[in-house]
Amino acid sequence: MANEWVKVELYGANNDGQPRRYTIADGTSVSKGTLLALSDPRTVSAKGNSVGPCAGVASEDHLANVGVTSISAWTDGLFTAQASNAIAIGQSITGAAANEVTAINVASGAAVIGYALDAIADGTTGTVRLKL
């Protein structure tokens, strides 16, 4: 997949990114560094163009049709990610199409997945803080 998130530094009690296990369809391929979309019941897929909550960033590759139906996702750390539209330093972010992030201005924090640590121009990469 294009625009993979690249781990810079992981946080959490063990500096492991606070990984969470989720269910994923056996027929789904996901690359390490892919932003994952959350659906019910506690199931994930590649974020792609889907609208909705994010589950985290895939911490491993998931190959299709090998009988594995779970995947681990990082939920806490610093990553480099590509921007879809310009993002100001400190601005809250959410997931966007094509494994990118975009700025978000909402009253509810439900869609916020973190914030930008750099000013990031549209189509370029910068450091973001993921905290789910």
Protein backbone atom coordinates (compact mmCIF):
# COMPACT_ATOMS: atom_id res chain seq x y z
CA MET A 1 0.00 0.00 0.00
CA ALA A 2 1.14 3.55 -0.65
CA ASN A 3 1.71 6.16 2.04
CA GLU A 4 2.54 3.75 4.86
CA TRP A 5 2.86 5.30 8.28
CA VAL A 6 6.47 5.00 9.47
CA LYS A 7 7.16 4.43 13.15
CA VAL A 8 9.37 7.11 14.73
CA GLU A 9 8.88 6.39 18.43
CA LEU A 10 6.44 4.16 20.30
CA TYR A 11 4.90 5.07 23.67
CA GLY A 12 3.11 3.13 26.36
CA ALA A 13 4.12 1.29 29.51
CA ASN A 14 6.59 -0.89 27.59
CA ASN A 15 7.37 1.56 24.76
CA ASP A 16 5.53 -0.86 22.48
CA GLY A 17 2.88 1.48 21.07
CA GLN A 18 0.10 0.05 23.25
CA PRO A 19 -0.82 -2.61 20.63
CA ARG A 20 -4.36 -3.93 20.45
CA ARG A 21 -5.51 -7.13 18.73
CA TYR A 22 -8.43 -6.92 16.34
CA THR A 23 -10.30 -9.34 14.13
CA ILE A 24 -9.57 -9.06 10.41
CA ALA A 25 -11.03 -11.02 7.50
CA ASP A 26 -8.86 -13.93 6.35
CA GLY A 27 -9.19 -12.76 2.74
CA THR A 28 -7.78 -9.29 3.50
CA SER A 29 -4.17 -8.24 2.87
CA VAL A 30 -2.84 -5.33 4.93
CA SER A 31 0.70 -3.96 4.96
CA LYS A 32 2.56 -2.91 8.09
CA GLY A 33 2.05 0.84 8.53
CA THR A 34 -1.51 0.90 7.19
CA LEU A 35 -4.08 3.01 9.04
CA LEU A 36 -6.91 0.67 10.06
CA ALA A 37 -10.64 1.43 10.11
CA LEU A 38 -12.70 0.05 12.98
CA SER A 39 -16.07 -1.62 12.50
CA ASP A 40 -18.35 -3.71 14.67
CA PRO A 41 -17.66 -6.16 16.27
CA ARG A 42 -14.07 -5.04 16.97
CA THR A 43 -13.06 -5.74 13.39
CA VAL A 44 -10.63 -3.80 11.21
CA SER A 45 -9.81 -3.26 7.56
CA ALA A 46 -7.53 -0.88 5.67
CA LYS A 47 -8.85 2.66 6.17
CA GLY A 48 -8.97 3.37 2.43
CA ASN A 49 -11.87 5.68 1.62
CA SER A 50 -14.02 4.52 4.53
CA VAL A 51 -15.55 7.03 6.87
CA GLY A 52 -15.55 6.23 10.55
CA PRO A 53 -13.31 5.60 13.52
CA CYS A 54 -9.69 4.53 13.28
CA ALA A 55 -8.35 1.53 15.21
CA GLY A 56 -4.64 2.26 14.92
CA VAL A 57 -1.72 1.53 12.61
CA ALA A 58 -0.98 -2.05 11.54
CA SER A 59 2.13 -3.23 13.39
CA GLU A 60 2.52 -6.26 11.14
CA ASP A 61 1.74 -7.48 7.64
CA HIS A 62 -1.44 -9.52 7.26
CA LEU A 63 -1.47 -11.88 4.30
CA ALA A 64 -4.75 -12.95 2.73
CA ASN A 65 -6.03 -16.51 2.73
CA VAL A 66 -3.57 -18.08 5.17
CA GLY A 67 -6.08 -18.75 7.96
CA VAL A 68 -5.06 -15.84 10.24
CA THR A 69 -7.98 -13.73 11.46
CA SER A 70 -6.32 -11.26 13.84
CA ILE A 71 -3.91 -8.37 13.56
CA SER A 72 -2.11 -6.10 16.00
CA ALA A 73 -2.36 -2.30 15.73
CA TRP A 74 -0.23 0.39 17.36
CA THR A 75 -2.34 3.02 19.13
CA ASP A 76 0.25 5.26 20.82
CA GLY A 77 3.34 6.87 19.32
CA LEU A 78 4.99 9.21 16.86
CA PHE A 79 4.79 8.41 13.15
CA THR A 80 5.50 10.07 9.85
CA ALA A 81 2.39 10.22 7.71
CA GLN A 82 1.36 11.88 4.47
CA ALA A 83 -1.07 14.78 4.57
CA SER A 84 -4.22 15.16 2.53
CA ASN A 85 -4.54 18.98 2.62
CA ALA A 86 -2.28 21.29 4.64
CA ILE A 87 -2.09 20.72 8.39
CA ALA A 88 -0.85 23.32 10.86
CA ILE A 89 1.48 22.37 13.69
CA GLY A 90 -0.53 21.29 16.73
CA GLN A 91 -3.74 20.83 14.74
CA SER A 92 -5.89 17.78 15.48
CA ILE A 93 -5.88 15.10 12.79
CA THR A 94 -8.06 12.27 11.56
CA GLY A 95 -7.65 9.52 8.96
CA ALA A 96 -8.21 10.33 5.30
CA ALA A 97 -8.30 8.43 2.02
CA ALA A 98 -5.21 6.68 0.67
CA ASN A 99 -3.70 6.07 4.15
CA GLU A 100 -3.22 9.80 4.73
CA VAL A 101 -4.16 12.21 7.52
CA THR A 102 -6.10 15.44 7.36
CA ALA A 103 -6.80 18.30 9.75
CA ILE A 104 -10.04 18.19 11.68
CA ASN A 105 -11.96 20.89 13.52
CA VAL A 106 -14.77 19.28 15.47
CA ALA A 107 -16.49 19.85 18.78
CA SER A 108 -16.40 16.13 19.57
CA GLY A 109 -13.08 14.38 20.03
CA ALA A 110 -14.46 11.07 18.77
CA ALA A 111 -12.93 11.45 15.30
CA VAL A 112 -9.58 12.83 16.51
CA ILE A 113 -6.74 10.31 16.31
CA GLY A 114 -3.91 12.64 17.30
CA TYR A 115 -2.25 15.89 16.29
CA ALA A 116 0.47 17.22 14.00
CA LEU A 117 3.95 17.88 15.39
CA ASP A 118 5.03 19.57 12.16
CA ALA A 119 3.39 21.95 9.73
CA ILE A 120 2.66 19.57 6.86
CA ALA A 121 1.95 20.76 3.32
CA ASP A 122 -0.61 18.95 1.19
CA GLY A 123 0.86 15.75 -0.26
CA THR A 124 4.01 15.80 1.89
CA THR A 125 4.94 13.85 5.00
CA GLY A 126 5.41 15.08 8.54
CA THR A 127 5.44 13.82 12.11
CA VAL A 128 2.13 13.14 13.83
CA ARG A 129 1.24 11.98 17.32
CA LEU A 130 -1.13 9.02 17.29
CA LYS A 131 -3.07 8.60 20.55
CA LEU A 132 -6.12 6.33 20.52
